[in-house]
Protein backbone atom coordinates (compact mmCIF):
# COMPACT_ATOMS: atom_id res chain seq x y z
CA UNK A 1 34.29 -35.08 15.94
CA UNK A 2 30.80 -33.55 15.63
CA UNK A 3 30.16 -34.12 19.35
CA UNK A 4 33.22 -32.13 20.34
CA UNK A 5 32.23 -29.09 18.28
CA UNK A 6 29.95 -28.19 21.19
CA UNK A 7 33.00 -27.66 23.38
CA UNK A 8 34.49 -25.06 21.08
CA UNK A 9 31.11 -23.35 20.73
CA UNK A 10 30.90 -23.14 24.51
CA UNK A 11 34.41 -21.70 24.73
CA UNK A 12 33.55 -19.06 22.13
CA UNK A 13 30.27 -18.29 23.89
CA UNK A 14 32.27 -17.41 27.00
CA UNK A 15 33.70 -14.37 25.20
CA UNK A 16 30.30 -13.31 23.87
CA UNK A 17 28.23 -13.85 27.03
CA UNK A 18 28.87 -13.80 30.79
CA UNK A 19 29.82 -17.11 32.36
CA UNK A 20 26.69 -16.98 34.53
CA UNK A 21 24.52 -16.94 31.41
CA UNK A 22 26.23 -20.09 30.11
CA UNK A 23 25.82 -21.87 33.46
CA UNK A 24 22.21 -20.68 33.68
CA UNK A 25 21.46 -22.51 30.44
CA UNK A 26 22.75 -25.66 32.11
CA UNK A 27 20.55 -25.04 35.15
CA UNK A 28 17.55 -24.71 32.83
CA UNK A 29 18.46 -28.05 31.21
CA UNK A 30 18.74 -29.77 34.61
CA UNK A 31 15.45 -28.34 35.90
CA UNK A 32 13.65 -29.41 32.73
CA UNK A 33 15.12 -32.91 33.10
CA UNK A 34 13.81 -32.99 36.67
CA UNK A 35 10.41 -31.37 36.33
CA UNK A 36 9.56 -31.43 32.63
CA UNK A 37 9.73 -29.10 29.61
CA UNK A 38 9.15 -25.40 30.19
CA UNK A 39 10.44 -25.47 33.77
CA UNK A 40 13.54 -23.29 33.57
CA UNK A 41 15.16 -21.07 36.17
CA UNK A 42 12.58 -18.28 35.82
CA UNK A 43 9.77 -20.74 36.53
CA UNK A 44 11.74 -22.21 39.43
CA UNK A 45 12.17 -18.77 41.01
CA UNK A 46 8.43 -18.17 40.67
CA UNK A 47 7.70 -21.52 42.35
CA UNK A 48 9.80 -20.33 45.27
CA UNK A 49 7.33 -17.53 45.97
CA UNK A 50 9.34 -14.63 44.57
CA UNK A 51 7.26 -12.03 42.76
CA UNK A 52 8.18 -10.56 39.37
CA UNK A 53 10.00 -7.59 40.93
CA UNK A 54 12.14 -9.84 43.12
CA UNK A 55 12.94 -12.19 40.23
CA UNK A 56 14.00 -9.22 38.10
CA UNK A 57 16.22 -7.85 40.89
CA UNK A 58 17.81 -11.22 41.49
CA UNK A 59 18.57 -11.72 37.79
CA UNK A 60 19.88 -8.20 37.33
CA UNK A 61 22.00 -7.73 40.45
CA UNK A 62 23.15 -11.10 41.73
CA UNK A 63 22.43 -13.82 39.18
CA UNK A 64 26.03 -15.04 39.18
CA UNK A 65 26.04 -15.41 42.97
CA UNK A 66 22.63 -17.08 42.88
CA UNK A 67 23.62 -19.68 40.29
CA UNK A 68 26.62 -20.54 42.45
CA UNK A 69 24.36 -20.88 45.52
CA UNK A 70 21.96 -23.03 43.53
CA UNK A 71 24.71 -25.40 42.38
CA UNK A 72 26.11 -25.63 45.90
CA UNK A 73 22.59 -26.51 47.08
CA UNK A 74 22.32 -29.26 44.45
CA UNK A 75 25.72 -30.64 45.48
CA UNK A 76 24.81 -30.48 49.18
CA UNK A 77 21.57 -32.42 48.61
CA UNK A 78 23.29 -35.07 46.46
CA UNK A 79 26.04 -35.54 49.08
CA UNK A 80 28.17 -37.30 46.49
CA UNK A 81 30.84 -35.52 44.47
CA UNK A 82 30.86 -38.10 41.67
CA UNK A 83 27.10 -37.92 41.14
CA UNK A 84 27.31 -34.14 41.26
CA UNK A 85 30.10 -34.04 38.66
CA UNK A 86 28.09 -36.41 36.44
CA UNK A 87 25.08 -34.09 36.45
CA UNK A 88 27.28 -31.05 35.83
CA UNK A 89 28.67 -32.67 32.70
CA UNK A 90 25.52 -34.33 31.41
CA UNK A 91 23.30 -31.24 31.78
CA UNK A 92 25.65 -28.57 30.51
CA UNK A 93 26.70 -26.97 33.79
CA UNK A 94 30.34 -27.11 32.72
CA UNK A 95 31.02 -24.89 29.70
CA UNK A 96 27.25 -24.62 29.15
CA UNK A 97 27.05 -27.73 26.92
CA UNK A 98 25.88 -31.29 27.45
CA UNK A 99 28.41 -34.10 27.09
CA UNK A 100 27.66 -37.58 25.81
CA UNK A 101 27.89 -40.64 28.04
CA UNK A 102 31.22 -41.62 26.48
CA UNK A 103 32.65 -38.13 26.85
CA UNK A 104 31.49 -37.87 30.46
CA UNK A 105 32.93 -41.31 31.20
CA UNK A 106 36.32 -40.26 29.79
CA UNK A 107 36.38 -37.04 31.83
CA UNK A 108 35.45 -38.87 35.05
CA UNK A 109 37.55 -41.97 34.39
CA UNK A 110 34.52 -44.28 34.56
CA UNK A 111 32.64 -46.59 32.21
CA UNK A 112 29.61 -45.34 30.28
CA UNK A 113 27.41 -47.76 32.23
CA UNK A 114 28.64 -46.33 35.54
CA UNK A 115 27.93 -42.78 34.33
CA UNK A 116 24.40 -43.76 33.30
CA UNK A 117 23.72 -45.22 36.76
CA UNK A 118 25.17 -42.17 38.52
CA UNK A 119 22.99 -39.87 36.43
CA UNK A 120 19.85 -41.86 37.21
CA UNK A 121 20.66 -41.89 40.94
CA UNK A 122 21.26 -38.15 40.96
CA UNK A 123 18.00 -37.29 39.20
CA UNK A 124 16.04 -39.67 41.41
CA UNK A 125 17.49 -38.09 44.56
CA UNK A 126 16.78 -34.53 43.39
CA UNK A 127 13.19 -35.44 42.46
CA UNK A 128 12.67 -37.20 45.77
CA UNK A 129 14.08 -34.24 47.73
CA UNK A 130 12.47 -31.54 45.60
CA UNK A 131 11.11 -29.73 48.65
CA UNK A 132 14.55 -29.59 50.18
CA UNK A 133 16.03 -28.21 46.95
CA UNK A 134 13.31 -25.54 46.72
CA UNK A 135 13.80 -24.61 50.37
CA UNK A 136 17.54 -24.17 50.03
CA UNK A 137 17.17 -22.27 46.76
CA UNK A 138 14.59 -19.94 48.35
CA UNK A 139 16.79 -19.15 51.34
CA UNK A 140 19.71 -18.41 49.02
CA UNK A 141 17.57 -16.13 46.86
CA UNK A 142 16.12 -14.23 49.83
CA UNK A 143 19.55 -13.92 51.45
CA UNK A 144 20.99 -12.38 48.29
CA UNK A 145 18.04 -10.01 47.88
CA UNK A 146 18.49 -8.96 51.51
CA UNK A 147 22.20 -8.26 50.92
CA UNK A 148 21.23 -6.04 47.96
CA UNK A 149 18.88 -4.03 50.19
CA UNK A 150 15.74 -4.99 48.29
CA UNK A 151 14.01 -7.17 50.86
CA UNK A 152 11.40 -6.51 53.60
CA UNK A 153 12.70 -5.53 57.06
CA UNK A 154 11.44 -8.76 58.60
CA UNK A 155 13.50 -10.88 56.22
CA UNK A 156 16.76 -10.66 58.18
CA UNK A 157 15.06 -12.09 61.27
CA UNK A 158 13.60 -14.95 59.24
CA UNK A 159 16.94 -15.74 57.66
CA UNK A 160 18.60 -15.85 61.09
CA UNK A 161 16.32 -18.80 61.90
CA UNK A 162 16.73 -20.63 58.57
CA UNK A 163 20.25 -21.31 57.39
CA UNK A 164 21.61 -23.33 54.51
CA UNK A 165 23.74 -26.30 55.54
CA UNK A 166 27.37 -25.72 54.74
CA UNK A 167 28.38 -27.59 51.56
CA UNK A 168 31.26 -29.98 51.92
CA UNK A 169 34.71 -28.93 50.76
CA UNK A 170 34.73 -31.30 47.79
CA UNK A 171 31.45 -29.84 46.49
CA UNK A 172 32.82 -26.30 46.87
CA UNK A 173 36.00 -27.28 45.01
CA UNK A 174 33.97 -28.92 42.25
CA UNK A 175 31.98 -25.72 41.68
CA UNK A 176 35.10 -23.57 41.86
CA UNK A 177 37.33 -25.65 39.58
CA UNK A 178 34.82 -27.09 37.12
CA UNK A 179 31.95 -24.68 36.71
CA UNK A 180 34.02 -21.52 36.88
CA UNK A 181 36.48 -23.02 34.40
CA UNK A 182 39.49 -21.97 36.41
CA UNK A 183 42.77 -22.05 34.60
CA UNK A 184 46.26 -22.44 35.98
CA UNK A 185 48.11 -19.51 34.46
CA UNK A 186 51.51 -18.32 35.70
CA UNK A 187 49.92 -15.69 37.94
CA UNK A 188 48.07 -18.44 39.85
CA UNK A 189 51.16 -20.59 40.45
CA UNK A 190 53.24 -19.80 43.58
CA UNK A 191 57.00 -19.66 43.13
CA UNK A 192 57.52 -22.52 45.58
CA UNK A 193 55.68 -24.86 43.15
CA UNK A 194 58.64 -24.98 40.72
CA UNK A 195 61.18 -26.46 43.16
CA UNK A 196 63.38 -23.57 44.33
CA UNK A 197 65.75 -23.86 47.27
CA UNK A 198 64.74 -22.19 50.52
CA UNK A 199 67.39 -19.50 50.11
CA UNK A 200 66.16 -18.35 46.72
CA UNK A 201 62.50 -18.74 47.65
CA UNK A 202 62.92 -16.64 50.81
CA UNK A 203 64.82 -13.95 48.89
CA UNK A 204 61.98 -13.69 46.37
CA UNK A 205 59.34 -13.56 49.11
CA UNK A 206 61.14 -10.74 50.89
CA UNK A 207 60.94 -8.77 47.66
CA UNK A 208 57.22 -9.54 47.27
CA UNK A 209 57.66 -11.90 44.29
CA UNK A 210 55.05 -14.58 44.94
CA UNK A 211 54.02 -16.12 41.62
CA UNK A 212 55.60 -17.61 38.52
CA UNK A 213 53.92 -14.78 36.61
CA UNK A 214 55.83 -12.23 38.71
CA UNK A 215 59.10 -13.99 37.92
CA UNK A 216 58.43 -14.15 34.18
CA UNK A 217 57.50 -10.47 34.09
CA UNK A 218 60.78 -9.52 35.77
CA UNK A 219 62.90 -11.83 33.61
CA UNK A 220 61.32 -10.39 30.46
CA UNK A 221 63.04 -7.11 31.39
CA UNK A 222 66.44 -8.72 32.00
CA UNK A 223 68.34 -9.99 35.03
CA UNK A 224 69.12 -6.66 36.72
CA UNK A 225 66.04 -6.55 38.98
CA UNK A 226 66.75 -10.02 40.33
CA UNK A 227 70.45 -9.24 40.77
CA UNK A 228 69.46 -6.28 42.96
CA UNK A 229 67.79 -8.61 45.46
CA UNK A 230 70.00 -9.17 48.47
CA UNK A 231 71.56 -12.64 48.51
CA UNK A 232 70.40 -13.58 45.01
CA UNK A 233 73.47 -13.33 42.74
CA UNK A 234 74.14 -15.07 39.45
CA UNK A 235 73.82 -18.50 41.05
CA UNK A 236 70.31 -17.74 42.29
CA UNK A 237 69.21 -16.44 38.90
CA UNK A 238 70.59 -19.56 37.22
CA UNK A 239 68.59 -21.70 39.66
CA UNK A 240 65.41 -19.75 38.92
CA UNK A 241 65.83 -20.09 35.15
CA UNK A 242 66.62 -23.78 35.46
CA UNK A 243 63.51 -24.37 37.58
CA UNK A 244 61.33 -22.41 35.14
CA UNK A 245 62.83 -24.31 32.24
CA UNK A 246 62.08 -27.70 33.84
CA UNK A 247 58.50 -26.61 34.35
CA UNK A 248 58.23 -25.48 30.73
CA UNK A 249 57.90 -21.75 31.40
CA UNK A 250 61.30 -20.64 30.11
CA UNK A 251 63.70 -21.22 27.23
CA UNK A 252 67.29 -20.26 28.02
CA UNK A 253 68.06 -18.73 24.65
CA UNK A 254 64.80 -17.09 23.75
CA UNK A 255 63.22 -16.18 27.08
CA UNK A 256 59.63 -17.17 27.76
CA UNK A 257 58.55 -19.62 25.02
CA UNK A 258 56.11 -18.29 22.44
CA UNK A 259 53.32 -20.66 21.37
CA UNK A 260 51.37 -20.52 18.15
CA UNK A 261 47.58 -20.19 18.48
CA UNK A 262 45.63 -23.43 18.69
CA UNK A 263 43.67 -24.62 15.69
CA UNK A 264 39.92 -25.17 16.03
CA UNK A 265 40.37 -28.92 16.54
CA UNK A 266 43.19 -28.34 19.06
CA UNK A 267 41.04 -25.84 20.94
CA UNK A 268 38.31 -28.47 21.30
CA UNK A 269 40.73 -30.94 22.83
CA UNK A 270 42.39 -28.29 25.02
CA UNK A 271 39.01 -27.30 26.49
CA UNK A 272 38.20 -30.95 27.23
CA UNK A 273 41.58 -31.37 28.96
CA UNK A 274 40.91 -28.26 31.05
CA UNK A 275 37.58 -29.69 32.16
CA UNK A 276 39.23 -33.03 32.98
CA UNK A 277 41.86 -31.17 35.02
CA UNK A 278 39.20 -29.25 36.95
CA UNK A 279 37.43 -32.49 37.85
CA UNK A 280 40.65 -34.17 38.89
CA UNK A 281 41.73 -31.14 40.96
CA UNK A 282 38.39 -31.19 42.78
CA UNK A 283 38.77 -34.91 43.46
CA UNK A 284 42.32 -34.45 44.76
CA UNK A 285 41.46 -31.20 46.55
CA UNK A 286 44.45 -29.46 45.02
CA UNK A 287 44.82 -26.35 42.82
CA UNK A 288 44.50 -27.07 39.07
CA UNK A 289 48.19 -26.34 38.41
CA UNK A 290 49.13 -29.25 40.67
CA UNK A 291 47.51 -31.59 38.15
CA UNK A 292 48.94 -29.95 35.02
CA UNK A 293 49.95 -26.50 33.84
CA UNK A 294 47.96 -24.78 31.10
CA UNK A 295 50.92 -24.85 28.71
CA UNK A 296 51.21 -28.63 29.24
CA UNK A 297 47.57 -29.09 28.23
CA UNK A 298 48.13 -26.94 25.16
CA UNK A 299 51.12 -29.08 24.15
CA UNK A 300 49.00 -32.21 24.58
CA UNK A 301 46.29 -30.69 22.38
CA UNK A 302 48.86 -29.93 19.67
CA UNK A 303 50.84 -33.18 19.79
CA UNK A 304 48.02 -35.57 20.74
CA UNK A 305 50.21 -38.24 22.35
CA UNK A 306 48.87 -41.78 22.11
CA UNK A 307 51.31 -43.57 24.44
CA UNK A 308 52.69 -42.89 27.91
CA UNK A 309 56.15 -42.55 26.37
CA UNK A 310 54.93 -39.79 24.08
CA UNK A 311 53.10 -38.13 26.97
CA UNK A 312 56.32 -38.09 28.98
CA UNK A 313 57.86 -35.86 26.28
CA UNK A 314 55.49 -33.01 27.15
CA UNK A 315 57.56 -30.19 28.61
CA UNK A 316 56.70 -29.51 32.24
CA UNK A 317 54.79 -32.77 32.71
CA UNK A 318 57.05 -34.94 34.86
CA UNK A 319 57.22 -38.71 35.38
CA UNK A 320 55.15 -38.54 38.56
CA UNK A 321 52.31 -36.87 36.69
CA UNK A 322 52.60 -39.37 33.85
CA UNK A 323 52.26 -42.26 36.32
CA UNK A 324 49.40 -40.62 38.20
CA UNK A 325 47.34 -39.17 35.36
CA UNK A 326 48.75 -40.59 32.12
CA UNK A 327 46.17 -43.24 31.31
CA UNK A 328 43.28 -40.86 32.05
CA UNK A 329 44.75 -38.15 29.82
CA UNK A 330 45.30 -40.55 26.94
CA UNK A 331 41.66 -41.63 27.22
CA UNK A 332 40.47 -38.03 27.07
CA UNK A 333 42.69 -37.37 24.05
CA UNK A 334 41.35 -40.49 22.33
CA UNK A 335 37.71 -39.60 23.10
CA UNK A 336 37.78 -35.90 22.22
CA UNK A 337 40.65 -35.76 19.74
CA UNK A 338 39.63 -38.48 17.30
């Protein structure tokens, strides 16, 4: 359990410090692993030829954008999503904390030995291509300074001759889903994801209702607004409520289900499940909600299922998801929830 305390600490840190600060700590850890102690991001920026004024401007005005550029550069150089995800987990670039070999293996669905080999390969490649990493990081830094209006006039012409290679889609998705810690709340889930008929879906779209969050907000005020939509009627509202209920967003008698707050131990497991979902979404190249809804992960954290049969009882987590992701989820629960 002591290993998983770091996850909760990282989650709490997110409310006390900007996400870019948390990720920056991970970048410092990776750079020190590559080039030795005392070689953090500030040193790296100095190596790139930026003076103190430029470093200060970069950190003050566009550090979040720069850290994203830096991670995309690392992923582009590695050219392997699995190696990239391994380094993100092992050096604290997800949630700002390092994960053990066993924890990383559970999140990636690999063995600890495989994770160790992937980590070694990644570090070796980054050390071998250090010049390439520095070059890409420098171009990103200068480009951002130029966009802020704090760069020499000649810089734009130089940047037009030197361009970063475009990162592959899977690397972009990994950064977006894993590092940014994206969730899958109702506002992020389109209404067509809950299995509505074309007639009802089109009626909602004509009224500008695009997300599950929009639907829940309207239903919390009663049925009248939906009844006013042309072609909806009682039958359409019943279909909407049934679809929301199947997905776990609605209880027929009490409206939108109310959940008690997670305990500290449950929060640790929930955060681990979110990270696992972000990795899996990046691998599948799908939005996080297509893997599992947030409320499903919270139920898993509370109930801690140990069998596929128990996992199938989670509201909103259907048999297809159990078949596709069940064994991986149970492994994460066992590793982080013990």
